[in-house]
């Protein structure tokens, strides 16, 4: 079984001797006025020495500040005690407020001790539970009650004209709430500290904070001026409180719950990592055995320096393993990026395939639609091409181009602007003029029609013109709207035009359109009207 180290026994013994010596000073120096402040000076000196060691020992800045503030409040309490009973005892008002101020450290110091306990085992970037800040609310309320006692006298009650005179007051109804608060917070803080101590390495050393917690018994007894020797109190409340809290905080330092700059020689002997601790002048004071070969920065070794109280610490970091891992990570990353690029390309191709298949189907459909015109162009090219044949080729080529564009628009949008139909027929008329045909176009509607309607009108125009293209002399195309429905009227003259052939050219539109063919003294009028509610082919 491990036993507590000799250093821990030494710290406990020194605290005990210091506390007993303080009580001895009270008893011996109490009866004489010229020695009446020695006890307060003695305890202030003890707290000051402890605060100086805290300033360079404690690593955590937050804990160090809390403990230094605790020391300042204790020394303030001893100073106010001297002012109250020895220095300003003839000035009643000042004496009374020194007395009230004496309770400021008594109320706040337990809260500071609680905050120190909350920081045990916390890393520098960790924060304690902020709900404990609510503990400041009752502390502030008690402080306000004490400092405004002249208004309500709930803490101390005075007889008229004796405010501030020692021994001429009684305790008010809320007086003991101050001590209940102080002892209650200390007990709760000790409970939290013991819970944080429940780790195997220090579990057998819990006697140390518990020993100093026993001073709390004297804290309670001192409220009632117990114990006394020869009519003089051996200890007073603030002295018992100071030794109890400082002792418990020191025990947390000795147990390692509060990180401190101590045991450097042991660390230097046991450390397997290279480091050097130097003083303010840069002279090495402690160093690990493995630090003898520490040199400058290299590719695989980096030196880091951080200032500490009274000097600095320098340590070396071996980067060889990290560099090796980084190289492996880089290779793995390159492999993953190549794989991701391959998968991205593969997925892109997979996504593109349905669109390509759809485009192929569309192009095959377009080729099938214009195949009659393509065949006609092939036959014309096999013959002798004259000026009239060129006009016919241009006319057929315009239809192929325009009909293909309309099919693409139908696939993408589902509707076609009437201007597209007008442009297609207008271009066809221009090529007819090259062949000697007097061709005109008049179109009224604007906007958009369904793609099927536009296609049917355009195909009707093309079928009629192709049916009499060789003998066509005159053509007037008129597109209007009647009751919201498009009407295509073509008036033409063609020598020897076959009426039966023209009627058969537009017969396939009967299902979705009404078609009429009239011959009036050689002028043939063909009307294609979309049926109301009819389907378009």
Protein backbone atom coordinates (compact mmCIF):
# COMPACT_ATOMS: atom_id res chain seq x y z
CA UNK A 1 0.00 0.00 0.00
CA UNK A 2 1.29 3.43 -0.93
CA UNK A 3 1.74 5.93 1.88
CA UNK A 4 1.63 9.70 1.73
CA UNK A 5 4.94 11.33 0.92
CA UNK A 6 7.07 13.01 3.55
CA UNK A 7 6.48 16.35 1.83
CA UNK A 8 2.74 16.12 2.35
CA UNK A 9 3.22 15.39 6.07
CA UNK A 10 5.63 18.31 6.27
CA UNK A 11 3.13 20.73 4.70
CA UNK A 12 0.39 19.55 7.07
CA UNK A 13 2.68 19.88 10.07
CA UNK A 14 3.80 23.40 9.13
CA UNK A 15 0.22 24.56 8.73
CA UNK A 16 -0.70 23.05 12.09
CA UNK A 17 2.25 24.68 13.86
CA UNK A 18 1.46 28.04 12.24
CA UNK A 19 -2.15 27.79 13.38
CA UNK A 20 -1.21 26.85 16.94
CA UNK A 21 1.33 29.65 17.05
CA UNK A 22 -1.39 32.11 16.03
CA UNK A 23 -3.55 30.99 18.97
CA UNK A 24 -0.57 31.27 21.31
CA UNK A 25 0.04 34.85 20.14
CA UNK A 26 -3.61 35.70 20.85
CA UNK A 27 -3.40 34.43 24.41
CA UNK A 28 0.04 35.90 25.24
CA UNK A 29 -0.31 39.30 23.49
CA UNK A 30 -3.99 39.91 24.22
CA UNK A 31 -3.73 41.68 27.61
CA UNK A 32 -1.29 44.41 26.45
CA UNK A 33 -2.31 47.22 24.13
CA UNK A 34 1.07 47.59 22.45
CA UNK A 35 0.90 43.97 21.28
CA UNK A 36 -2.79 43.89 20.41
CA UNK A 37 -2.26 43.90 16.60
CA UNK A 38 0.50 41.25 16.50
CA UNK A 39 -1.94 38.40 15.75
CA UNK A 40 -3.43 40.21 12.74
CA UNK A 41 0.06 41.10 11.49
CA UNK A 42 1.18 37.51 11.98
CA UNK A 43 -1.74 36.02 10.03
CA UNK A 44 -1.40 38.67 7.30
CA UNK A 45 2.26 37.73 6.93
CA UNK A 46 1.38 34.03 6.66
CA UNK A 47 -1.21 34.76 3.96
CA UNK A 48 1.22 37.03 2.11
CA UNK A 49 3.97 34.38 2.07
CA UNK A 50 1.48 31.83 0.79
CA UNK A 51 0.26 34.26 -1.90
CA UNK A 52 3.83 34.83 -3.10
CA UNK A 53 4.35 31.09 -3.53
CA UNK A 54 1.01 30.80 -5.32
CA UNK A 55 2.03 33.50 -7.80
CA UNK A 56 4.94 31.48 -9.16
CA UNK A 57 3.70 27.94 -8.45
CA UNK A 58 0.20 27.77 -9.98
CA UNK A 59 0.10 27.07 -13.72
CA UNK A 60 -3.58 27.70 -14.49
CA UNK A 61 -4.02 31.46 -14.80
CA UNK A 62 -7.70 31.36 -13.71
CA UNK A 63 -7.01 29.33 -10.56
CA UNK A 64 -3.98 31.49 -9.74
CA UNK A 65 -6.05 34.67 -9.93
CA UNK A 66 -8.83 33.19 -7.78
CA UNK A 67 -6.36 32.09 -5.09
CA UNK A 68 -4.50 35.42 -5.12
CA UNK A 69 -7.82 37.25 -4.78
CA UNK A 70 -8.61 34.99 -1.82
CA UNK A 71 -5.31 35.98 -0.18
CA UNK A 72 -6.02 39.68 -0.80
CA UNK A 73 -9.45 39.38 0.82
CA UNK A 74 -7.99 37.63 3.87
CA UNK A 75 -5.35 40.34 4.33
CA UNK A 76 -8.07 42.96 3.85
CA UNK A 77 -10.10 41.32 6.61
CA UNK A 78 -7.14 41.39 9.00
CA UNK A 79 -6.47 45.04 8.13
CA UNK A 80 -10.10 46.04 8.70
CA UNK A 81 -10.04 44.14 11.98
CA UNK A 82 -7.07 46.20 13.16
CA UNK A 83 -8.76 49.44 12.04
CA UNK A 84 -11.99 48.49 13.79
CA UNK A 85 -10.58 47.57 17.18
CA UNK A 86 -7.24 49.41 17.43
CA UNK A 87 -6.63 52.25 14.96
CA UNK A 88 -9.98 54.09 14.56
CA UNK A 89 -11.83 52.98 17.67
CA UNK A 90 -12.54 56.61 18.68
CA UNK A 91 -14.27 57.44 15.36
CA UNK A 92 -17.61 55.66 15.71
CA UNK A 93 -18.91 56.06 12.14
CA UNK A 94 -15.61 55.03 10.50
CA UNK A 95 -15.24 52.26 13.04
CA UNK A 96 -18.72 50.95 12.24
CA UNK A 97 -18.11 50.82 8.47
CA UNK A 98 -14.73 49.15 8.95
CA UNK A 99 -16.70 46.61 10.94
CA UNK A 100 -19.25 46.19 8.13
CA UNK A 101 -16.46 45.89 5.55
CA UNK A 102 -14.94 43.10 7.64
CA UNK A 103 -17.84 40.88 6.47
CA UNK A 104 -17.14 41.43 2.76
CA UNK A 105 -14.24 38.89 2.75
CA UNK A 106 -16.19 36.53 5.02
CA UNK A 107 -19.07 36.40 2.49
CA UNK A 108 -17.03 36.33 -0.76
CA UNK A 109 -14.11 34.04 0.13
CA UNK A 110 -16.24 30.83 0.30
CA UNK A 111 -17.57 31.60 -3.21
CA UNK A 112 -14.01 32.01 -4.49
CA UNK A 113 -13.07 28.66 -2.91
CA UNK A 114 -16.05 27.07 -4.70
CA UNK A 115 -14.84 28.50 -8.01
CA UNK A 116 -11.35 27.09 -7.36
CA UNK A 117 -12.86 23.62 -6.74
CA UNK A 118 -14.89 23.89 -9.96
CA UNK A 119 -11.65 24.40 -11.93
CA UNK A 120 -10.07 21.17 -10.64
CA UNK A 121 -9.14 18.83 -13.51
CA UNK A 122 -10.25 21.41 -16.11
CA UNK A 123 -8.09 22.15 -19.13
CA UNK A 124 -7.14 25.76 -19.85
CA UNK A 125 -9.69 26.01 -22.66
CA UNK A 126 -12.49 24.42 -20.62
CA UNK A 127 -15.01 26.46 -18.67
CA UNK A 128 -16.82 25.43 -15.48
CA UNK A 129 -20.57 25.18 -15.29
CA UNK A 130 -21.85 28.74 -15.57
CA UNK A 131 -24.87 27.93 -13.41
CA UNK A 132 -22.64 28.20 -10.36
CA UNK A 133 -22.35 31.93 -11.04
CA UNK A 134 -25.81 32.14 -9.48
CA UNK A 135 -24.03 31.65 -6.15
CA UNK A 136 -23.02 35.30 -6.43
CA UNK A 137 -26.64 36.41 -6.08
CA UNK A 138 -27.13 35.46 -2.40
CA UNK A 139 -23.58 36.70 -1.67
CA UNK A 140 -24.39 40.13 -3.09
CA UNK A 141 -27.70 40.24 -1.21
CA UNK A 142 -25.92 39.48 2.09
CA UNK A 143 -23.33 42.18 1.34
CA UNK A 144 -26.09 44.72 0.72
CA UNK A 145 -27.78 43.77 3.97
CA UNK A 146 -24.55 44.23 5.93
CA UNK A 147 -23.54 47.54 4.33
CA UNK A 148 -27.04 49.00 4.76
CA UNK A 149 -27.44 47.78 8.33
CA UNK A 150 -27.85 51.39 9.55
CA UNK A 151 -31.17 51.55 7.72
CA UNK A 152 -32.80 48.34 8.97
CA UNK A 153 -30.54 46.88 11.71
CA UNK A 154 -31.39 43.32 10.66
CA UNK A 155 -27.76 42.24 11.15
CA UNK A 156 -26.72 44.30 14.22
CA UNK A 157 -28.94 46.23 16.58
CA UNK A 158 -27.61 49.30 18.39
CA UNK A 159 -28.82 51.34 21.26
CA UNK A 160 -29.06 55.06 20.58
CA UNK A 161 -25.66 56.79 20.58
CA UNK A 162 -23.57 53.63 20.74
CA UNK A 163 -23.37 52.76 17.02
CA UNK A 164 -19.91 51.30 16.45
CA UNK A 165 -18.91 50.88 20.12
CA UNK A 166 -17.69 47.34 20.79
CA UNK A 167 -19.94 45.34 23.07
CA UNK A 168 -22.93 47.71 22.84
CA UNK A 169 -24.98 45.85 20.25
CA UNK A 170 -27.07 42.72 19.86
CA UNK A 171 -27.36 40.40 16.89
CA UNK A 172 -30.25 40.93 14.51
CA UNK A 173 -32.52 38.29 13.05
CA UNK A 174 -30.31 37.81 9.92
CA UNK A 175 -26.92 37.89 11.65
CA UNK A 176 -26.39 34.11 11.69
CA UNK A 177 -27.43 33.83 8.03
CA UNK A 178 -23.94 35.13 7.19
CA UNK A 179 -22.25 32.25 9.02
CA UNK A 180 -24.75 29.70 7.76
CA UNK A 181 -23.96 30.90 4.22
CA UNK A 182 -20.20 30.74 4.79
CA UNK A 183 -20.15 27.29 6.38
CA UNK A 184 -22.72 25.91 3.90
CA UNK A 185 -20.74 26.98 0.82
CA UNK A 186 -17.51 25.60 2.33
CA UNK A 187 -19.18 22.25 3.04
CA UNK A 188 -20.59 22.07 -0.50
CA UNK A 189 -17.18 22.98 -1.97
CA UNK A 190 -15.48 20.27 0.10
CA UNK A 191 -18.03 17.72 -1.15
CA UNK A 192 -17.25 18.65 -4.77
CA UNK A 193 -13.50 18.50 -4.09
CA UNK A 194 -13.80 14.99 -2.61
CA UNK A 195 -15.78 13.83 -5.64
CA UNK A 196 -13.07 15.14 -7.95
CA UNK A 197 -10.44 13.33 -5.82
CA UNK A 198 -11.96 9.91 -6.50
CA UNK A 199 -9.20 8.64 -8.79
CA UNK A 200 -6.91 5.74 -7.89
CA UNK A 201 -3.68 7.74 -7.84
CA UNK A 202 -4.77 10.08 -5.02
CA UNK A 203 -7.72 8.24 -3.48
CA UNK A 204 -5.64 7.22 -0.42
CA UNK A 205 -4.54 10.81 0.22
CA UNK A 206 -7.97 12.24 0.91
CA UNK A 207 -7.02 12.57 4.56
CA UNK A 208 -5.20 15.80 3.70
CA UNK A 209 -8.15 18.01 2.60
CA UNK A 210 -10.34 16.32 5.24
CA UNK A 211 -7.80 17.22 7.91
CA UNK A 212 -7.98 20.90 7.03
CA UNK A 213 -11.76 20.65 6.79
CA UNK A 214 -11.71 19.77 10.53
CA UNK A 215 -10.68 23.37 11.09
CA UNK A 216 -14.31 24.08 10.18
CA UNK A 217 -15.23 22.86 13.66
CA UNK A 218 -13.14 25.68 15.07
CA UNK A 219 -14.83 28.03 12.57
CA UNK A 220 -18.19 27.20 14.12
CA UNK A 221 -16.89 27.38 17.69
CA UNK A 222 -15.23 30.75 17.07
CA UNK A 223 -18.63 32.26 16.34
CA UNK A 224 -19.38 31.76 20.05
CA UNK A 225 -15.85 32.79 21.20
CA UNK A 226 -14.85 29.19 21.97
CA UNK A 227 -12.25 28.14 23.03
CA UNK A 228 -10.99 30.73 25.57
CA UNK A 229 -7.92 30.79 27.79
CA UNK A 230 -7.78 33.27 30.66
CA UNK A 231 -10.78 35.09 29.19
CA UNK A 232 -9.10 35.54 25.79
CA UNK A 233 -10.34 33.83 22.61
CA UNK A 234 -7.65 31.53 21.22
CA UNK A 235 -8.81 31.98 17.63
CA UNK A 236 -11.35 34.24 15.98
CA UNK A 237 -13.60 33.42 13.07
CA UNK A 238 -11.58 34.94 10.20
CA UNK A 239 -8.36 33.23 11.37
CA UNK A 240 -9.97 29.78 11.50
CA UNK A 241 -11.57 30.42 8.12
CA UNK A 242 -8.24 31.48 6.59
CA UNK A 243 -6.30 28.45 7.82
CA UNK A 244 -9.10 26.07 6.78
CA UNK A 245 -9.50 27.40 3.21
CA UNK A 246 -5.78 27.96 2.58
CA UNK A 247 -5.03 24.50 3.98
CA UNK A 248 -7.60 22.81 1.72
CA UNK A 249 -6.36 24.70 -1.36
CA UNK A 250 -2.77 23.80 -0.51
CA UNK A 251 -3.76 20.13 -0.12
CA UNK A 252 -5.27 20.24 -3.64
CA UNK A 253 -1.92 21.55 -4.89
CA UNK A 254 0.02 18.81 -3.10
CA UNK A 255 -2.32 16.11 -4.45
CA UNK A 256 -1.89 17.40 -8.01
CA UNK A 257 -5.50 18.42 -8.47
CA UNK A 258 -4.28 21.97 -9.10
CA UNK A 259 -1.33 21.98 -11.57
CA UNK A 260 1.73 23.63 -10.03
CA UNK A 261 5.37 24.29 -10.95
CA UNK A 262 6.79 21.76 -8.53
CA UNK A 263 8.76 18.49 -8.53
CA UNK A 264 10.86 19.67 -11.48
CA UNK A 265 13.76 17.44 -10.50
CA UNK A 266 11.50 14.37 -10.47
CA UNK A 267 9.99 15.32 -13.81
CA UNK A 268 13.41 15.91 -15.33
CA UNK A 269 14.62 12.51 -14.08
CA UNK A 270 11.59 10.55 -15.25
CA UNK A 271 10.70 12.36 -18.45
CA UNK A 272 11.28 10.51 -21.71
CA UNK A 273 10.69 13.64 -23.78
CA UNK A 274 13.42 16.25 -24.30
CA UNK A 275 12.84 19.58 -22.54
CA UNK A 276 14.87 22.30 -20.86
CA UNK A 277 13.68 24.78 -18.21
CA UNK A 278 15.71 28.00 -18.08
CA UNK A 279 15.69 30.96 -15.71
CA UNK A 280 15.08 34.58 -16.67
CA UNK A 281 18.59 34.90 -18.08
CA UNK A 282 18.22 31.87 -20.31
CA UNK A 283 20.47 29.66 -18.18
CA UNK A 284 19.24 26.04 -18.08
CA UNK A 285 18.06 25.01 -14.60
CA UNK A 286 16.34 21.67 -15.20
CA UNK A 287 16.54 19.36 -18.19
CA UNK A 288 15.58 15.82 -19.01
CA UNK A 289 18.32 13.27 -19.66
CA UNK A 290 17.10 12.84 -23.23
CA UNK A 291 17.42 16.61 -23.81
CA UNK A 292 21.24 16.60 -23.94
CA UNK A 293 21.23 16.18 -27.70
CA UNK A 294 18.70 18.95 -28.34
CA UNK A 295 19.92 21.13 -31.19
CA UNK A 296 18.39 23.53 -33.64
CA UNK A 297 15.36 23.18 -35.86
CA UNK A 298 15.72 20.44 -38.46
CA UNK A 299 13.39 18.92 -40.98
CA UNK A 300 12.26 16.29 -38.49
CA UNK A 301 12.75 18.12 -35.15
CA UNK A 302 11.14 21.36 -34.04
CA UNK A 303 11.92 23.36 -30.90
CA UNK A 304 9.11 25.18 -29.08
CA UNK A 305 9.56 27.75 -26.32
CA UNK A 306 6.94 29.09 -23.93
CA UNK A 307 7.48 31.68 -21.16
CA UNK A 308 6.66 30.60 -17.62
CA UNK A 309 6.95 32.33 -14.26
CA UNK A 310 10.61 33.19 -13.72
CA UNK A 311 11.89 31.85 -17.02
CA UNK A 312 10.92 29.68 -19.96
CA UNK A 313 10.55 26.07 -21.02
CA UNK A 314 11.85 24.70 -24.32
CA UNK A 315 10.93 21.29 -25.66
CA UNK A 316 11.62 19.35 -28.83
CA UNK A 317 9.00 17.69 -30.99
CA UNK A 318 10.03 14.79 -33.23
CA UNK A 319 8.14 15.20 -36.50
CA UNK A 320 9.55 12.16 -38.30
CA UNK A 321 6.51 9.99 -37.63
CA UNK A 322 4.14 12.84 -38.48
CA UNK A 323 6.00 13.51 -41.73
CA UNK A 324 5.84 9.82 -42.62
CA UNK A 325 2.11 9.77 -41.95
CA UNK A 326 1.66 12.96 -43.97
CA UNK A 327 3.39 11.37 -46.93
CA UNK A 328 1.15 8.33 -46.67
CA UNK A 329 -1.87 10.60 -46.39
CA UNK A 330 -0.76 12.52 -49.49
CA UNK A 331 -0.43 9.29 -51.46
CA UNK A 332 -3.79 8.08 -50.23
CA UNK A 333 -5.32 11.46 -51.06
CA UNK A 334 -3.92 11.34 -54.60
CA UNK A 335 -5.30 7.84 -55.04
CA UNK A 336 -8.68 8.90 -53.70
CA UNK A 337 -8.75 11.98 -55.94
CA UNK A 338 -7.93 9.83 -58.99
CA UNK A 339 -10.63 7.37 -58.00
CA UNK A 340 -13.11 10.21 -57.42
CA UNK A 341 -12.27 11.71 -60.82
CA UNK A 342 -12.80 8.34 -62.47
CA UNK A 343 -16.11 7.87 -60.66
CA UNK A 344 -17.13 11.42 -61.54
CA UNK A 345 -16.44 10.77 -65.23
CA UNK A 346 -18.24 7.43 -65.08
CA UNK A 347 -21.26 8.98 -63.39
CA UNK A 348 -21.26 11.80 -65.90
CA UNK A 349 -21.31 9.29 -68.74
CA UNK A 350 -24.11 7.36 -67.06
CA UNK A 351 -26.09 10.56 -66.67
CA UNK A 352 -25.38 11.53 -70.28
CA UNK A 353 -26.43 8.19 -71.76
CA UNK A 354 -30.20 8.68 -71.33
CA UNK A 355 -29.93 12.14 -72.92
CA UNK A 356 -27.89 10.74 -75.80
CA UNK A 357 -30.39 7.94 -76.33
CA UNK A 358 -33.23 10.45 -76.29
CA UNK A 359 -31.35 12.65 -78.81
CA UNK A 360 -30.74 9.65 -81.08
CA UNK A 361 -34.42 8.76 -80.98
CA UNK A 362 -35.26 12.38 -81.81
CA UNK A 363 -32.81 12.56 -84.71
CA UNK A 364 -34.11 9.27 -86.09
CA UNK A 365 -37.65 10.62 -85.91
CA UNK A 366 -36.60 13.82 -87.72
CA UNK A 367 -34.85 11.77 -90.41
CA UNK A 368 -37.97 9.69 -90.87
CA UNK A 369 -40.18 12.79 -91.11
CA UNK A 370 -38.11 14.52 -93.81
CA UNK A 371 -37.12 11.32 -95.65
CA UNK A 372 -39.54 12.04 -98.58
CA UNK A 373 -37.91 15.43 -99.17
CA UNK A 374 -34.43 13.89 -98.88
CA UNK A 375 -35.36 11.30 -101.47
CA UNK A 376 -36.70 14.00 -103.80
CA UNK A 377 -33.48 16.01 -103.42
CA UNK A 378 -31.49 12.87 -104.27
CA UNK A 379 -33.46 12.34 -107.51
CA UNK A 380 -33.07 16.00 -108.50
CA UNK A 381 -29.33 15.87 -108.01
CA UNK A 382 -29.11 12.80 -110.23
CA UNK A 383 -30.67 14.80 -113.10
CA UNK A 384 -29.36 17.84 -114.92
CA UNK A 385 -29.61 20.72 -112.50
CA UNK A 386 -30.95 23.94 -114.03
CA UNK A 387 -32.12 27.20 -112.48
CA UNK A 388 -35.60 25.90 -111.78
CA UNK A 389 -34.25 22.73 -110.20
CA UNK A 390 -32.02 24.81 -107.95
CA UNK A 391 -35.05 26.76 -106.73
CA UNK A 392 -36.83 23.51 -106.02
CA UNK A 393 -33.79 22.13 -104.16
CA UNK A 394 -33.61 25.30 -102.06
CA UNK A 395 -37.32 25.06 -101.28
CA UNK A 396 -37.04 21.42 -100.15
CA UNK A 397 -33.86 22.13 -98.18
CA UNK A 398 -35.59 25.02 -96.36
CA UNK A 399 -38.39 22.69 -95.31
CA UNK A 400 -35.95 20.07 -94.06
CA UNK A 401 -34.09 22.69 -92.01
CA UNK A 402 -37.19 24.41 -90.64
CA UNK A 403 -39.08 21.19 -89.93
CA UNK A 404 -36.08 19.82 -88.01
CA UNK A 405 -35.82 22.99 -85.93
CA UNK A 406 -39.53 22.81 -85.11
CA UNK A 407 -39.17 19.21 -83.95
CA UNK A 408 -36.33 20.25 -81.64
CA UNK A 409 -38.43 23.12 -80.22
CA UNK A 410 -41.29 20.72 -79.65
CA UNK A 411 -39.01 18.37 -77.72
CA UNK A 412 -37.51 21.15 -75.56
CA UNK A 413 -40.49 23.47 -74.92
CA UNK A 414 -43.70 21.81 -76.10
CA UNK A 415 -44.81 24.98 -77.92
CA UNK A 416 -43.63 27.01 -80.94
CA UNK A 417 -43.93 30.77 -81.52
CA UNK A 418 -46.10 31.75 -84.48
CA UNK A 419 -43.15 33.82 -85.68
CA UNK A 420 -41.26 30.58 -86.26
CA UNK A 421 -44.06 29.35 -88.54
CA UNK A 422 -44.13 32.71 -90.34
CA UNK A 423 -40.35 32.67 -90.85
CA UNK A 424 -40.45 29.14 -92.23
CA UNK A 425 -43.22 29.89 -94.75
CA UNK A 426 -41.62 33.25 -95.64
CA UNK A 427 -38.30 31.53 -96.43
CA UNK A 428 -40.09 28.95 -98.58
CA UNK A 429 -41.85 31.77 -100.46
CA UNK A 430 -38.51 33.46 -101.14
CA UNK A 431 -37.16 30.28 -102.76
CA UNK A 432 -40.41 29.89 -104.76
CA UNK A 433 -39.85 33.37 -106.15
CA UNK A 434 -36.43 32.23 -107.43
CA UNK A 435 -38.30 29.61 -109.47
CA UNK A 436 -40.61 32.23 -110.99
CA UNK A 437 -43.55 31.79 -108.60
CA UNK A 438 -45.32 34.92 -107.39
CA UNK A 439 -45.55 34.03 -103.65
CA UNK A 440 -46.91 36.18 -100.82
CA UNK A 441 -47.51 35.58 -97.07
CA UNK A 442 -49.86 37.34 -94.68
CA UNK A 443 -50.03 36.24 -91.05
CA UNK A 444 -52.13 37.86 -88.33
CA UNK A 445 -51.70 35.97 -85.00
CA UNK A 446 -48.79 36.51 -82.67
CA UNK A 447 -47.66 34.64 -79.60
CA UNK A 448 -47.36 30.89 -79.24
CA UNK A 449 -49.34 27.87 -80.38
CA UNK A 450 -49.01 24.25 -79.39
CA UNK A 451 -46.19 22.52 -81.22
CA UNK A 452 -48.51 19.97 -82.81
CA UNK A 453 -50.75 22.71 -84.26
CA UNK A 454 -47.83 24.61 -85.79
CA UNK A 455 -46.34 21.41 -87.23
CA UNK A 456 -49.63 20.38 -88.79
CA UNK A 457 -50.11 23.80 -90.43
CA UNK A 458 -46.54 23.81 -91.74
CA UNK A 459 -46.84 20.26 -93.09
CA UNK A 460 -50.15 21.15 -94.75
CA UNK A 461 -48.49 24.11 -96.47
CA UNK A 462 -45.57 21.94 -97.58
CA UNK A 463 -47.83 19.11 -98.84
CA UNK A 464 -49.93 21.48 -100.96
CA UNK A 465 -46.94 23.29 -102.49
CA UNK A 466 -44.99 20.09 -103.19
CA UNK A 467 -48.14 18.65 -104.88
CA UNK A 468 -48.12 21.33 -107.59
CA UNK A 469 -44.56 22.61 -107.39
CA UNK A 470 -43.74 21.95 -111.07
CA UNK A 471 -46.71 24.00 -112.42
CA UNK A 472 -47.17 26.53 -109.60
CA UNK A 473 -47.46 30.13 -110.88
CA UNK A 474 -49.05 32.11 -108.06
CA UNK A 475 -49.36 31.51 -104.29
CA UNK A 476 -50.97 33.59 -101.53
CA UNK A 477 -50.70 32.25 -97.97
CA UNK A 478 -52.89 33.75 -95.25
CA UNK A 479 -52.83 32.62 -91.60
CA UNK A 480 -55.48 34.10 -89.28
CA UNK A 481 -57.24 33.31 -86.00
CA UNK A 482 -60.95 32.53 -85.89
CA UNK A 483 -62.62 32.07 -82.50
CA UNK A 484 -59.18 31.48 -81.00
CA UNK A 485 -58.35 28.76 -83.55
CA UNK A 486 -55.74 29.05 -86.36
CA UNK A 487 -56.89 29.03 -90.00
CA UNK A 488 -54.51 28.40 -92.94
CA UNK A 489 -55.81 29.59 -96.34
CA UNK A 490 -53.77 29.09 -99.50
CA UNK A 491 -54.86 30.52 -102.83
CA UNK A 492 -52.84 29.31 -105.81
CA UNK A 493 -52.76 28.96 -109.58
CA UNK A 494 -51.12 26.01 -111.20
CA UNK A 495 -51.66 24.85 -114.79
CA UNK A 496 -53.10 21.40 -114.92
CA UNK A 497 -53.26 21.11 -111.14
CA UNK A 498 -54.86 17.83 -110.13
CA UNK A 499 -57.69 18.58 -107.67
CA UNK A 500 -57.81 15.01 -106.49
CA UNK A 501 -54.07 15.13 -105.74
CA UNK A 502 -54.44 18.37 -103.80
CA UNK A 503 -57.36 17.00 -101.80
CA UNK A 504 -55.38 13.86 -100.94
CA UNK A 505 -52.44 16.02 -99.84
CA UNK A 506 -54.48 17.55 -97.03
CA UNK A 507 -56.74 14.60 -96.37
CA UNK A 508 -54.52 13.33 -93.52
CA UNK A 509 -55.34 16.47 -91.55
CA UNK A 510 -59.05 15.74 -91.43
CA UNK A 511 -58.79 14.08 -88.04
CA UNK A 512 -57.64 17.28 -86.27
CA UNK A 513 -58.54 19.90 -88.89
CA UNK A 514 -61.33 20.79 -91.29
CA UNK A 515 -60.04 21.06 -94.85
CA UNK A 516 -61.80 22.46 -97.91
CA UNK A 517 -60.60 22.70 -101.53
CA UNK A 518 -62.35 25.08 -104.00
CA UNK A 519 -61.64 25.79 -107.66
CA UNK A 520 -62.94 29.14 -108.86
CA UNK A 521 -62.01 29.86 -112.47
CA UNK A 522 -58.54 28.36 -112.12
CA UNK A 523 -57.84 29.89 -108.67
CA UNK A 524 -57.66 27.07 -106.17
CA UNK A 525 -58.34 27.90 -102.50
CA UNK A 526 -57.39 25.41 -99.81
CA UNK A 527 -58.48 26.09 -96.23
CA UNK A 528 -57.18 24.20 -93.21
CA UNK A 529 -58.99 25.02 -89.95
CA UNK A 530 -58.21 23.45 -86.60
CA UNK A 531 -61.25 21.71 -85.14
CA UNK A 532 -62.47 22.98 -81.77
CA UNK A 533 -61.30 20.44 -79.21
CA UNK A 534 -59.77 18.33 -81.95
CA UNK A 535 -56.46 16.53 -81.56
CA UNK A 536 -53.50 17.60 -83.62
CA UNK A 537 -51.45 15.19 -85.63
